[in-house]
Every structure is written in C-alpha cells, then in structure tokens.
Amino acid sequence: MSPALPISQTNSQPNSQPPFPIPSRDADAHKGTFGRVLLIGGSRGMAGSIAMSAIAAMKSGSGLVSVAVPDPCLETVASFHPAMMTIPISDDGGGCFGSNAASELLPKLESVDAIAVGPGMTTGPGAKQIVEDLIDSAGRPMVLDADAINCLAAKEDSNQVRLNRVVLTPHPGELQRLTGVSSGQRDAQIAAASKFAKETAATIVVKGGPTVVVDGQQTYVNETGNPGMATGGSGDVLTGVITSLLGQGLSPWEASCQGVWVHGLAGDIAATQCGEISMTAMEIISSLSSAFQQSSPP
C-alpha cells in the first residue's frame, strides 16, 4: 500500500464557507420535496443512537423521517421526538434485529429517497443480513455507519463489494477493522480509505481531527469542528445530517463534504454556548439550525 500524503498536502480547499451551496426553498414546496429518509438501527440499551440520527436528519431539512428499530425499542425511540415515524421490526428475543428483519425491511425501501443503517444496531446475524441485503438490493443513496461498517468488515473480500452511492462514516477503530490499518496511523488510514473507496466506488468519511472525505479520486479536508465533539453520539448526529442531504438530492460526495462542514460548525457553535468540556451530542443537534442558517443563501 502506498503511503498517504500528509493531510497538509492533500487536494483540499479552504472551507470557511460551505463546500457546496444549500438550495433555497421554493414557496410551493411540500414535505415530499425535501426527501423521505429511513434510518435503521438501535437495540436494547442503545436506542439513543438511532434516535439522535433521526432527529439530526429532521433538523437538517428532511421532509419525512422514519426509523426502523427492533420492536422492543420502538416506544423508547419514538419518545425522543413526536415528528419521528417509527417502524417495528421483529427482534431476536433480546432486543436486537431478528432473523426475519431483513425481509421485513426491504418492502419499506420503496418509498424512501435515502437510507442510513448502523447506529446502535450490534453485529448479530439479523444485523449482518440487513447490511448484506441492503447493499445487494437497496439501489438508493445510503450511509453505512457504526455496526453496519463492522458487519461489512466481517465479510470476506469486502473491498470487492460494489458500494456505488454509498457513504461510509467510520471512526478509526472501525476503519481499522475494514482495512487492517492501525487506528494509530492516521495518514496510512486515509490512504487505505482512499484505496478502498476506489475499489468499491464508495465515498468514505474518515472521522477525526480533522475529518477527511475521500472517494478514491479526490480528497476534502474539513476545517470546522473542535475536540469537544469527541463525545458519544456525535457520529450518530453526522449520520443523520449526511442521510438528510442525500435525501434532498445531493450526491454522496456533496452530502459528505457538506455534512461534515455543517456538523463541525454546529459543534463550534455549541462550544461557544456550553464549552468543549460539557458538550454532548444533544448540544450539537440543537446547534444544527444555526449552522444551516450560516450556510444557506439569504
């Protein structure tokens, strides 16, 4: 594997401004105009992950947001926000997706514009089948995050899977499982991510300081964000933001670059209000509205 270019030498652009314009909204628009998204994940004890992704998608402009969760988690997830639609999926008896989950989910995909899968999902047999079937048959823009990436990494020859229109959002540990490159080797991980993206046609968001987006052809280095965002749930928020932008018609590259910029800016706004030490993912979500106001046309 060839070594990575140092981050300072990558083909990035200054991004004190958003990398792509967010379209203005027409006066005759309706909720279907701005995308129907489906987020899949959660398990007993980790219902908050997928709930935060869904709320972030709503705060990022999606017209309709649905969440598919194991049946025992439904009331917990639904309680996070009244505008969130919830879809119960059969579980394995322990609060994780069961063996029939994938077959129950596939018919739900017909009416959605973008999908996210992974937050809080675990890596049991039901979850692995969901990831495999979605990759094989979804045909829609999709984000694989968290345990969905771990499920992909468990597949033999995962670098030969076609991931066109798919965004992966790994943290360093998940990227290590996917590529075999140590989480402590930042530049080598970025190079490995770029190679994996080129082999599979995926777009990969390499989380960290700074977050880097690669697709095998180009590299974008984000400049928003701060260390206070190194907190549980921050990545789940990013998943919701990117999924929302995909559902609104941005390409995987555009949605990833725009998503990390807005997400980081929301973290910067949150830091001015509560400080880096006390910041949680909920403060990042609360700051998304201000971040989008700063990145939208007048």
C-alpha atoms as a PDB file:
ATOM      1  CA  MET A   1       0.000   0.000   0.000  1.00  0.00           C
ATOM      2  CA  SER A   2       1.394   3.356  -0.980  1.00  0.00           C
ATOM      3  CA  PRO A   3       1.855   5.874   1.839  1.00  0.00           C
ATOM      4  CA  ALA A   4      -0.650   8.658   2.298  1.00  0.00           C
ATOM      5  CA  LEU A   5       0.117  12.238   1.548  1.00  0.00           C
ATOM      6  CA  PRO A   6       0.280  14.282   4.737  1.00  0.00           C
ATOM      7  CA  ILE A   7      -3.044  16.000   5.291  1.00  0.00           C
ATOM      8  CA  SER A   8      -1.493  19.399   4.604  1.00  0.00           C
ATOM      9  CA  GLN A   9      -0.632  18.239   1.072  1.00  0.00           C
ATOM     10  CA  THR A  10      -3.985  16.808   0.090  1.00  0.00           C
ATOM     11  CA  ASN A  11      -6.061  18.486  -2.590  1.00  0.00           C
ATOM     12  CA  SER A  12      -8.334  20.231  -0.129  1.00  0.00           C
ATOM     13  CA  GLN A  13      -9.925  23.635  -0.407  1.00  0.00           C
ATOM     14  CA  PRO A  14     -10.265  26.283   2.291  1.00  0.00           C
ATOM     15  CA  ASN A  15     -13.672  25.782   3.841  1.00  0.00           C
ATOM     16  CA  SER A  16     -14.522  28.764   5.990  1.00  0.00           C
ATOM     17  CA  GLN A  17     -17.558  28.708   3.670  1.00  0.00           C
ATOM     18  CA  PRO A  18     -19.640  25.598   2.961  1.00  0.00           C
ATOM     19  CA  PRO A  19     -18.176  23.439   0.189  1.00  0.00           C
ATOM     20  CA  PHE A  20     -21.490  23.344  -1.704  1.00  0.00           C
ATOM     21  CA  PRO A  21     -24.467  25.708  -1.687  1.00  0.00           C
ATOM     22  CA  ILE A  22     -27.624  24.526   0.015  1.00  0.00           C
ATOM     23  CA  PRO A  23     -30.547  25.133  -2.372  1.00  0.00           C
ATOM     24  CA  SER A  24     -33.130  27.709  -1.400  1.00  0.00           C
ATOM     25  CA  ARG A  25     -36.687  26.516  -0.781  1.00  0.00           C
ATOM     26  CA  ASP A  26     -39.478  27.321  -3.221  1.00  0.00           C
ATOM     27  CA  ALA A  27     -42.667  28.778  -1.804  1.00  0.00           C
ATOM     28  CA  ASP A  28     -44.785  25.933  -3.214  1.00  0.00           C
ATOM     29  CA  ALA A  29     -42.624  23.166  -1.746  1.00  0.00           C
ATOM     30  CA  HIS A  30     -44.114  20.412   0.423  1.00  0.00           C
ATOM     31  CA  LYS A  31     -42.656  17.804   2.773  1.00  0.00           C
ATOM     32  CA  GLY A  32     -42.154  15.329  -0.056  1.00  0.00           C
ATOM     33  CA  THR A  33     -39.952  17.866  -1.829  1.00  0.00           C
ATOM     34  CA  PHE A  34     -37.215  17.595   0.773  1.00  0.00           C
ATOM     35  CA  GLY A  35     -36.768  13.876   0.919  1.00  0.00           C
ATOM     36  CA  ARG A  36     -38.110  10.834   2.713  1.00  0.00           C
ATOM     37  CA  VAL A  37     -35.364   9.105   4.663  1.00  0.00           C
ATOM     38  CA  LEU A  38     -35.263   5.830   6.570  1.00  0.00           C
ATOM     39  CA  LEU A  39     -32.805   5.196   9.383  1.00  0.00           C
ATOM     40  CA  ILE A  40     -32.248   1.611  10.533  1.00  0.00           C
ATOM     41  CA  GLY A  41     -30.621   0.666  13.806  1.00  0.00           C
ATOM     42  CA  GLY A  42     -30.915   0.558  17.551  1.00  0.00           C
ATOM     43  CA  SER A  43     -31.044  -2.294  20.035  1.00  0.00           C
ATOM     44  CA  ARG A  44     -31.985  -2.739  23.657  1.00  0.00           C
ATOM     45  CA  GLY A  45     -29.700  -0.393  25.615  1.00  0.00           C
ATOM     46  CA  MET A  46     -28.624   1.553  22.522  1.00  0.00           C
ATOM     47  CA  ALA A  47     -31.866   3.102  21.333  1.00  0.00           C
ATOM     48  CA  GLY A  48     -30.494   6.627  21.693  1.00  0.00           C
ATOM     49  CA  SER A  49     -28.024   6.212  18.827  1.00  0.00           C
ATOM     50  CA  ILE A  50     -30.571   5.818  16.064  1.00  0.00           C
ATOM     51  CA  ALA A  51     -32.901   8.352  17.706  1.00  0.00           C
ATOM     52  CA  MET A  52     -30.205  11.038  17.558  1.00  0.00           C
ATOM     53  CA  SER A  53     -29.518  10.209  13.914  1.00  0.00           C
ATOM     54  CA  ALA A  54     -33.207  10.642  13.139  1.00  0.00           C
ATOM     55  CA  ILE A  55     -33.520  13.940  14.994  1.00  0.00           C
ATOM     56  CA  ALA A  56     -30.417  15.234  13.212  1.00  0.00           C
ATOM     57  CA  ALA A  57     -31.983  14.292   9.876  1.00  0.00           C
ATOM     58  CA  MET A  58     -35.100  16.263  10.781  1.00  0.00           C
ATOM     59  CA  LYS A  59     -33.002  19.258  11.864  1.00  0.00           C
ATOM     60  CA  SER A  60     -31.105  19.038   8.551  1.00  0.00           C
ATOM     61  CA  GLY A  61     -34.200  19.577   6.434  1.00  0.00           C
ATOM     62  CA  SER A  62     -35.681  16.162   5.642  1.00  0.00           C
ATOM     63  CA  GLY A  63     -39.381  16.295   4.911  1.00  0.00           C
ATOM     64  CA  LEU A  64     -40.205  12.894   6.409  1.00  0.00           C
ATOM     65  CA  VAL A  65     -38.043  10.782   8.718  1.00  0.00           C
ATOM     66  CA  SER A  66     -38.804   7.152   9.571  1.00  0.00           C
ATOM     67  CA  VAL A  67     -36.861   4.918  11.946  1.00  0.00           C
ATOM     68  CA  ALA A  68     -36.870   1.117  11.747  1.00  0.00           C
ATOM     69  CA  VAL A  69     -35.926  -0.459  15.074  1.00  0.00           C
ATOM     70  CA  PRO A  70     -36.293  -3.802  16.857  1.00  0.00           C
ATOM     71  CA  ASP A  71     -39.823  -3.968  18.224  1.00  0.00           C
ATOM     72  CA  PRO A  72     -38.868  -3.740  21.937  1.00  0.00           C
ATOM     73  CA  CYS A  73     -37.105  -0.421  21.261  1.00  0.00           C
ATOM     74  CA  LEU A  74     -39.961   1.270  19.438  1.00  0.00           C
ATOM     75  CA  GLU A  75     -41.560   3.193  22.310  1.00  0.00           C
ATOM     76  CA  THR A  76     -38.177   4.339  23.609  1.00  0.00           C
ATOM     77  CA  VAL A  77     -37.102   5.678  20.215  1.00  0.00           C
ATOM     78  CA  ALA A  78     -40.497   7.231  19.498  1.00  0.00           C
ATOM     79  CA  SER A  79     -40.359   9.147  22.785  1.00  0.00           C
ATOM     80  CA  PHE A  80     -37.369  11.204  21.628  1.00  0.00           C
ATOM     81  CA  HIS A  81     -39.385  13.311  19.150  1.00  0.00           C
ATOM     82  CA  PRO A  82     -43.089  13.378  18.188  1.00  0.00           C
ATOM     83  CA  ALA A  83     -42.404  14.014  14.476  1.00  0.00           C
ATOM     84  CA  MET A  84     -40.372  10.829  14.117  1.00  0.00           C
ATOM     85  CA  MET A  85     -42.203   7.910  12.471  1.00  0.00           C
ATOM     86  CA  THR A  86     -41.261   4.505  13.855  1.00  0.00           C
ATOM     87  CA  ILE A  87     -41.389   1.080  12.191  1.00  0.00           C
ATOM     88  CA  PRO A  88     -41.275  -2.022  14.412  1.00  0.00           C
ATOM     89  CA  ILE A  89     -39.118  -4.881  13.129  1.00  0.00           C
ATOM     90  CA  SER A  90     -39.016  -8.343  14.677  1.00  0.00           C
ATOM     91  CA  ASP A  91     -36.248  -8.951  17.187  1.00  0.00           C
ATOM     92  CA  ASP A  92     -34.242 -11.951  18.336  1.00  0.00           C
ATOM     93  CA  GLY A  93     -35.766 -12.066  21.789  1.00  0.00           C
ATOM     94  CA  GLY A  94     -33.006  -9.919  23.242  1.00  0.00           C
ATOM     95  CA  GLY A  95     -33.792  -6.545  21.698  1.00  0.00           C
ATOM     96  CA  CYS A  96     -31.625  -6.876  18.558  1.00  0.00           C
ATOM     97  CA  PHE A  97     -32.776  -7.383  14.976  1.00  0.00           C
ATOM     98  CA  GLY A  98     -34.013 -10.929  14.399  1.00  0.00           C
ATOM     99  CA  SER A  99     -33.559 -13.386  11.576  1.00  0.00           C
ATOM    100  CA  ASN A 100     -36.580 -12.071   9.626  1.00  0.00           C
ATOM    101  CA  ALA A 101     -35.633  -8.403   9.977  1.00  0.00           C
ATOM    102  CA  ALA A 102     -34.104  -8.032   6.516  1.00  0.00           C
ATOM    103  CA  SER A 103     -37.122  -9.477   4.719  1.00  0.00           C
ATOM    104  CA  GLU A 104     -39.436  -7.181   6.721  1.00  0.00           C
ATOM    105  CA  LEU A 105     -37.339  -4.133   5.868  1.00  0.00           C
ATOM    106  CA  LEU A 106     -36.941  -4.494   2.116  1.00  0.00           C
ATOM    107  CA  PRO A 107     -40.562  -3.550   1.247  1.00  0.00           C
ATOM    108  CA  LYS A 108     -40.166  -0.374   3.324  1.00  0.00           C
ATOM    109  CA  LEU A 109     -37.465   0.936   0.980  1.00  0.00           C
ATOM    110  CA  GLU A 110     -39.722   1.576  -1.998  1.00  0.00           C
ATOM    111  CA  SER A 111     -40.946   4.977  -0.829  1.00  0.00           C
ATOM    112  CA  VAL A 112     -37.724   6.456   0.574  1.00  0.00           C
ATOM    113  CA  ASP A 113     -35.078   8.638  -1.048  1.00  0.00           C
ATOM    114  CA  ALA A 114     -32.117   7.773   1.198  1.00  0.00           C
ATOM    115  CA  ILE A 115     -31.232   5.214   3.859  1.00  0.00           C
ATOM    116  CA  ALA A 116     -28.898   5.026   6.833  1.00  0.00           C
ATOM    117  CA  VAL A 117     -28.088   1.852   8.705  1.00  0.00           C
ATOM    118  CA  GLY A 118     -25.902   1.017  11.679  1.00  0.00           C
ATOM    119  CA  PRO A 119     -26.171   3.237  14.760  1.00  0.00           C
ATOM    120  CA  GLY A 120     -26.718   1.115  17.863  1.00  0.00           C
ATOM    121  CA  MET A 121     -27.526  -1.955  15.758  1.00  0.00           C
ATOM    122  CA  THR A 122     -24.988  -4.518  17.068  1.00  0.00           C
ATOM    123  CA  THR A 123     -23.484  -7.135  14.741  1.00  0.00           C
ATOM    124  CA  GLY A 124     -25.695 -10.164  15.289  1.00  0.00           C
ATOM    125  CA  PRO A 125     -26.917 -12.420  12.471  1.00  0.00           C
ATOM    126  CA  GLY A 126     -30.025 -10.315  11.855  1.00  0.00           C
ATOM    127  CA  ALA A 127     -27.975  -7.138  11.533  1.00  0.00           C
ATOM    128  CA  LYS A 128     -25.477  -8.763   9.174  1.00  0.00           C
ATOM    129  CA  GLN A 129     -28.296  -9.954   6.926  1.00  0.00           C
ATOM    130  CA  ILE A 130     -29.775  -6.462   6.822  1.00  0.00           C
ATOM    131  CA  VAL A 131     -26.467  -4.947   5.699  1.00  0.00           C
ATOM    132  CA  GLU A 132     -25.894  -7.631   3.085  1.00  0.00           C
ATOM    133  CA  ASP A 133     -29.394  -7.328   1.627  1.00  0.00           C
ATOM    134  CA  LEU A 134     -29.315  -3.527   1.603  1.00  0.00           C
ATOM    135  CA  ILE A 135     -26.018  -3.488  -0.271  1.00  0.00           C
ATOM    136  CA  ASP A 136     -27.358  -6.023  -2.762  1.00  0.00           C
ATOM    137  CA  SER A 137     -30.767  -4.532  -3.398  1.00  0.00           C
ATOM    138  CA  ALA A 138     -31.303  -1.041  -1.989  1.00  0.00           C
ATOM    139  CA  GLY A 139     -30.491   0.942  -5.133  1.00  0.00           C
ATOM    140  CA  ARG A 140     -30.782   4.195  -3.193  1.00  0.00           C
ATOM    141  CA  PRO A 141     -28.204   6.533  -1.670  1.00  0.00           C
ATOM    142  CA  MET A 142     -27.185   5.056   1.651  1.00  0.00           C
ATOM    143  CA  VAL A 143     -24.996   5.714   4.691  1.00  0.00           C
ATOM    144  CA  LEU A 144     -23.299   2.811   6.459  1.00  0.00           C
ATOM    145  CA  ASP A 145     -22.237   3.781   9.965  1.00  0.00           C
ATOM    146  CA  ALA A 146     -21.037   2.125  13.162  1.00  0.00           C
ATOM    147  CA  ASP A 147     -22.084  -1.544  13.343  1.00  0.00           C
ATOM    148  CA  ALA A 148     -23.079  -1.588   9.678  1.00  0.00           C
ATOM    149  CA  ILE A 149     -19.409  -0.915   8.877  1.00  0.00           C
ATOM    150  CA  ASN A 150     -18.390  -3.663  11.293  1.00  0.00           C
ATOM    151  CA  CYS A 151     -20.785  -6.045   9.531  1.00  0.00           C
ATOM    152  CA  LEU A 152     -19.268  -5.084   6.173  1.00  0.00           C
ATOM    153  CA  ALA A 153     -15.751  -5.572   7.557  1.00  0.00           C
ATOM    154  CA  ALA A 154     -16.683  -9.111   8.622  1.00  0.00           C
ATOM    155  CA  LYS A 155     -17.415 -10.081   5.014  1.00  0.00           C
ATOM    156  CA  GLU A 156     -14.662 -11.827   3.091  1.00  0.00           C
ATOM    157  CA  ASP A 157     -13.252  -9.670   0.290  1.00  0.00           C
ATOM    158  CA  SER A 158     -15.234  -6.646   1.472  1.00  0.00           C
ATOM    159  CA  ASN A 159     -13.118  -4.477  -0.842  1.00  0.00           C
ATOM    160  CA  GLN A 160     -14.734  -6.248  -3.805  1.00  0.00           C
ATOM    161  CA  VAL A 161     -18.275  -5.254  -2.833  1.00  0.00           C
ATOM    162  CA  ARG A 162     -19.814  -2.581  -5.067  1.00  0.00           C
ATOM    163  CA  LEU A 163     -20.759   0.419  -2.950  1.00  0.00           C
ATOM    164  CA  ASN A 164     -21.851   2.900  -5.579  1.00  0.00           C
ATOM    165  CA  ARG A 165     -23.907   5.749  -3.992  1.00  0.00           C
ATOM    166  CA  VAL A 166     -22.874   4.525  -0.530  1.00  0.00           C
ATOM    167  CA  VAL A 167     -21.208   6.676   2.139  1.00  0.00           C
ATOM    168  CA  LEU A 168     -19.182   5.004   4.892  1.00  0.00           C
ATOM    169  CA  THR A 169     -18.580   7.006   8.088  1.00  0.00           C
ATOM    170  CA  PRO A 170     -16.010   5.041  10.127  1.00  0.00           C
ATOM    171  CA  HIS A 171     -14.169   6.182  13.211  1.00  0.00           C
ATOM    172  CA  PRO A 172     -10.523   4.995  13.375  1.00  0.00           C
ATOM    173  CA  GLY A 173     -11.351   1.683  15.068  1.00  0.00           C
ATOM    174  CA  GLU A 174     -13.998   0.794  12.513  1.00  0.00           C
ATOM    175  CA  LEU A 175     -11.671   1.791   9.697  1.00  0.00           C
ATOM    176  CA  GLN A 176      -9.002  -0.479  11.155  1.00  0.00           C
ATOM    177  CA  ARG A 177     -11.427  -3.407  11.052  1.00  0.00           C
ATOM    178  CA  LEU A 178     -12.353  -2.535   7.473  1.00  0.00           C
ATOM    179  CA  THR A 179      -8.860  -2.004   6.050  1.00  0.00           C
ATOM    180  CA  GLY A 180      -6.473  -3.650   8.532  1.00  0.00           C
ATOM    181  CA  VAL A 181      -4.536  -0.402   9.047  1.00  0.00           C
ATOM    182  CA  SER A 182      -3.947   0.537  12.677  1.00  0.00           C
ATOM    183  CA  SER A 183      -6.096   3.286  14.144  1.00  0.00           C
ATOM    184  CA  GLY A 184      -2.890   4.963  15.328  1.00  0.00           C
ATOM    185  CA  GLN A 185      -1.612   5.508  11.781  1.00  0.00           C
ATOM    186  CA  ARG A 186      -3.698   8.443  10.639  1.00  0.00           C
ATOM    187  CA  ASP A 187      -2.092   9.151   7.259  1.00  0.00           C
ATOM    188  CA  ALA A 188      -1.941   5.450   6.402  1.00  0.00           C
ATOM    189  CA  GLN A 189      -5.620   5.088   7.300  1.00  0.00           C
ATOM    190  CA  ILE A 190      -6.539   7.942   4.976  1.00  0.00           C
ATOM    191  CA  ALA A 191      -4.567   6.290   2.166  1.00  0.00           C
ATOM    192  CA  ALA A 192      -6.227   2.935   2.900  1.00  0.00           C
ATOM    193  CA  ALA A 193      -9.663   4.574   2.905  1.00  0.00           C
ATOM    194  CA  SER A 194      -8.955   6.203  -0.449  1.00  0.00           C
ATOM    195  CA  LYS A 195      -7.834   2.857  -1.883  1.00  0.00           C
ATOM    196  CA  PHE A 196     -10.920   1.089  -0.506  1.00  0.00           C
ATOM    197  CA  ALA A 197     -13.154   3.833  -1.904  1.00  0.00           C
ATOM    198  CA  LYS A 198     -11.588   3.494  -5.347  1.00  0.00           C
ATOM    199  CA  GLU A 199     -12.002  -0.289  -5.318  1.00  0.00           C
ATOM    200  CA  THR A 200     -15.650  -0.197  -4.232  1.00  0.00           C
ATOM    201  CA  ALA A 201     -16.914   3.151  -5.648  1.00  0.00           C
ATOM    202  CA  ALA A 202     -17.809   4.283  -2.114  1.00  0.00           C
ATOM    203  CA  THR A 203     -17.385   7.692  -0.520  1.00  0.00           C
ATOM    204  CA  ILE A 204     -15.671   7.465   2.877  1.00  0.00           C
ATOM    205  CA  VAL A 205     -15.790   9.981   5.710  1.00  0.00           C
ATOM    206  CA  VAL A 206     -12.682   9.378   7.830  1.00  0.00           C
ATOM    207  CA  LYS A 207     -13.638  10.818  11.186  1.00  0.00           C
ATOM    208  CA  GLY A 208     -11.027  12.567  13.298  1.00  0.00           C
ATOM    209  CA  GLY A 209      -9.289  15.840  13.748  1.00  0.00           C
ATOM    210  CA  PRO A 210      -9.680  16.984  11.023  1.00  0.00           C
ATOM    211  CA  THR A 211     -12.302  14.826   9.330  1.00  0.00           C
ATOM    212  CA  VAL A 212     -11.315  13.853   5.787  1.00  0.00           C
ATOM    213  CA  VAL A 213     -13.611  12.771   2.940  1.00  0.00           C
ATOM    214  CA  VAL A 214     -12.246  10.569   0.130  1.00  0.00           C
ATOM    215  CA  ASP A 215     -13.729   8.798  -2.861  1.00  0.00           C
ATOM    216  CA  GLY A 216     -10.609   7.385  -4.487  1.00  0.00           C
ATOM    217  CA  GLN A 217     -10.281  10.346  -6.835  1.00  0.00           C
ATOM    218  CA  GLN A 218     -10.438  13.413  -4.617  1.00  0.00           C
ATOM    219  CA  THR A 219      -9.874  14.410  -1.008  1.00  0.00           C
ATOM    220  CA  TYR A 220     -11.638  17.016   1.097  1.00  0.00           C
ATOM    221  CA  VAL A 221     -10.230  18.112   4.462  1.00  0.00           C
ATOM    222  CA  ASN A 222     -12.775  19.712   6.761  1.00  0.00           C
ATOM    223  CA  GLU A 223     -11.812  22.712   8.885  1.00  0.00           C
ATOM    224  CA  THR A 224     -14.837  23.091  11.147  1.00  0.00           C
ATOM    225  CA  GLY A 225     -15.235  21.310  14.472  1.00  0.00           C
ATOM    226  CA  ASN A 226     -13.354  21.073  17.764  1.00  0.00           C
ATOM    227  CA  PRO A 227     -12.220  18.489  20.358  1.00  0.00           C
ATOM    228  CA  GLY A 228     -15.437  18.899  22.349  1.00  0.00           C
ATOM    229  CA  MET A 229     -17.144  16.869  19.630  1.00  0.00           C
ATOM    230  CA  ALA A 230     -15.238  13.775  20.747  1.00  0.00           C
ATOM    231  CA  THR A 231     -18.267  12.606  22.689  1.00  0.00           C
ATOM    232  CA  GLY A 232     -20.682   9.708  22.413  1.00  0.00           C
ATOM    233  CA  GLY A 233     -23.380  10.247  19.814  1.00  0.00           C
ATOM    234  CA  SER A 234     -21.554  12.871  17.769  1.00  0.00           C
ATOM    235  CA  GLY A 235     -21.067  10.396  14.932  1.00  0.00           C
ATOM    236  CA  ASP A 236     -24.737   9.416  15.065  1.00  0.00           C
ATOM    237  CA  VAL A 237     -25.617  13.071  14.509  1.00  0.00           C
ATOM    238  CA  LEU A 238     -23.308  13.201  11.485  1.00  0.00           C
ATOM    239  CA  THR A 239     -25.013  10.124  10.046  1.00  0.00           C
ATOM    240  CA  GLY A 240     -28.370  11.878  10.248  1.00  0.00           C
ATOM    241  CA  VAL A 241     -27.051  15.040   8.612  1.00  0.00           C
ATOM    242  CA  ILE A 242     -25.477  13.232   5.661  1.00  0.00           C
ATOM    243  CA  THR A 243     -28.511  10.995   5.166  1.00  0.00           C
ATOM    244  CA  SER A 244     -30.788  14.025   5.106  1.00  0.00           C
ATOM    245  CA  LEU A 245     -28.652  15.750   2.474  1.00  0.00           C
ATOM    246  CA  LEU A 246     -28.642  12.594   0.345  1.00  0.00           C
ATOM    247  CA  GLY A 247     -32.425  12.507   0.561  1.00  0.00           C
ATOM    248  CA  GLN A 248     -32.566  16.123  -0.598  1.00  0.00           C
ATOM    249  CA  GLY A 249     -30.730  15.207  -3.775  1.00  0.00           C
ATOM    250  CA  LEU A 250     -27.058  15.894  -3.061  1.00  0.00           C
ATOM    251  CA  SER A 251     -24.576  13.359  -4.418  1.00  0.00           C
ATOM    252  CA  PRO A 252     -22.666  11.157  -1.942  1.00  0.00           C
ATOM    253  CA  TRP A 253     -19.611  13.382  -2.360  1.00  0.00           C
ATOM    254  CA  GLU A 254     -21.558  16.619  -1.918  1.00  0.00           C
ATOM    255  CA  ALA A 255     -23.578  15.294   1.022  1.00  0.00           C
ATOM    256  CA  SER A 256     -20.453  14.019   2.787  1.00  0.00           C
ATOM    257  CA  CYS A 257     -18.428  17.209   2.394  1.00  0.00           C
ATOM    258  CA  GLN A 258     -21.379  19.464   3.192  1.00  0.00           C
ATOM    259  CA  GLY A 259     -22.393  17.199   6.060  1.00  0.00           C
ATOM    260  CA  VAL A 260     -19.046  17.239   7.854  1.00  0.00           C
ATOM    261  CA  TRP A 261     -18.806  21.015   7.385  1.00  0.00           C
ATOM    262  CA  VAL A 262     -22.246  21.714   8.869  1.00  0.00           C
ATOM    263  CA  HIS A 263     -21.765  19.118  11.619  1.00  0.00           C
ATOM    264  CA  GLY A 264     -18.432  20.676  12.604  1.00  0.00           C
ATOM    265  CA  LEU A 265     -19.864  24.171  12.511  1.00  0.00           C
ATOM    266  CA  ALA A 266     -22.715  23.053  14.782  1.00  0.00           C
ATOM    267  CA  GLY A 267     -20.064  21.754  17.164  1.00  0.00           C
ATOM    268  CA  ASP A 268     -18.247  25.081  17.044  1.00  0.00           C
ATOM    269  CA  ILE A 269     -21.473  26.937  17.805  1.00  0.00           C
ATOM    270  CA  ALA A 270     -22.224  24.545  20.666  1.00  0.00           C
ATOM    271  CA  ALA A 271     -18.730  25.114  22.088  1.00  0.00           C
ATOM    272  CA  THR A 272     -19.380  28.850  22.342  1.00  0.00           C
ATOM    273  CA  GLN A 273     -22.536  28.157  24.319  1.00  0.00           C
ATOM    274  CA  CYS A 274     -21.541  25.383  26.694  1.00  0.00           C
ATOM    275  CA  GLY A 275     -17.782  24.905  26.243  1.00  0.00           C
ATOM    276  CA  GLU A 276     -15.937  21.933  24.832  1.00  0.00           C
ATOM    277  CA  ILE A 277     -15.832  20.003  28.111  1.00  0.00           C
ATOM    278  CA  SER A 278     -19.597  19.984  28.713  1.00  0.00           C
ATOM    279  CA  MET A 279     -20.681  19.500  25.103  1.00  0.00           C
ATOM    280  CA  THR A 280     -22.846  16.472  24.311  1.00  0.00           C
ATOM    281  CA  ALA A 281     -24.334  15.251  21.064  1.00  0.00           C
ATOM    282  CA  MET A 282     -27.629  16.867  22.029  1.00  0.00           C
ATOM    283  CA  GLU A 283     -25.965  20.298  22.054  1.00  0.00           C
ATOM    284  CA  ILE A 284     -24.629  19.584  18.564  1.00  0.00           C
ATOM    285  CA  ILE A 285     -28.139  18.710  17.384  1.00  0.00           C
ATOM    286  CA  SER A 286     -29.523  21.882  18.963  1.00  0.00           C
ATOM    287  CA  SER A 287     -26.914  23.947  17.105  1.00  0.00           C
ATOM    288  CA  LEU A 288     -27.654  22.480  13.668  1.00  0.00           C
ATOM    289  CA  SER A 289     -30.298  25.114  12.971  1.00  0.00           C
ATOM    290  CA  SER A 290     -27.772  27.938  13.483  1.00  0.00           C
ATOM    291  CA  ALA A 291     -25.197  26.098  11.377  1.00  0.00           C
ATOM    292  CA  PHE A 292     -27.622  25.720   8.482  1.00  0.00           C
ATOM    293  CA  GLN A 293     -28.635  29.361   8.773  1.00  0.00           C
ATOM    294  CA  GLN A 294     -24.983  30.340   8.316  1.00  0.00           C
ATOM    295  CA  SER A 295     -24.549  28.028   5.312  1.00  0.00           C
ATOM    296  CA  SER A 296     -27.798  28.798   3.476  1.00  0.00           C
ATOM    297  CA  PRO A 297     -28.317  31.522   0.883  1.00  0.00           C
ATOM    298  CA  PRO A 298     -30.125  34.668   2.119  1.00  0.00           C
END
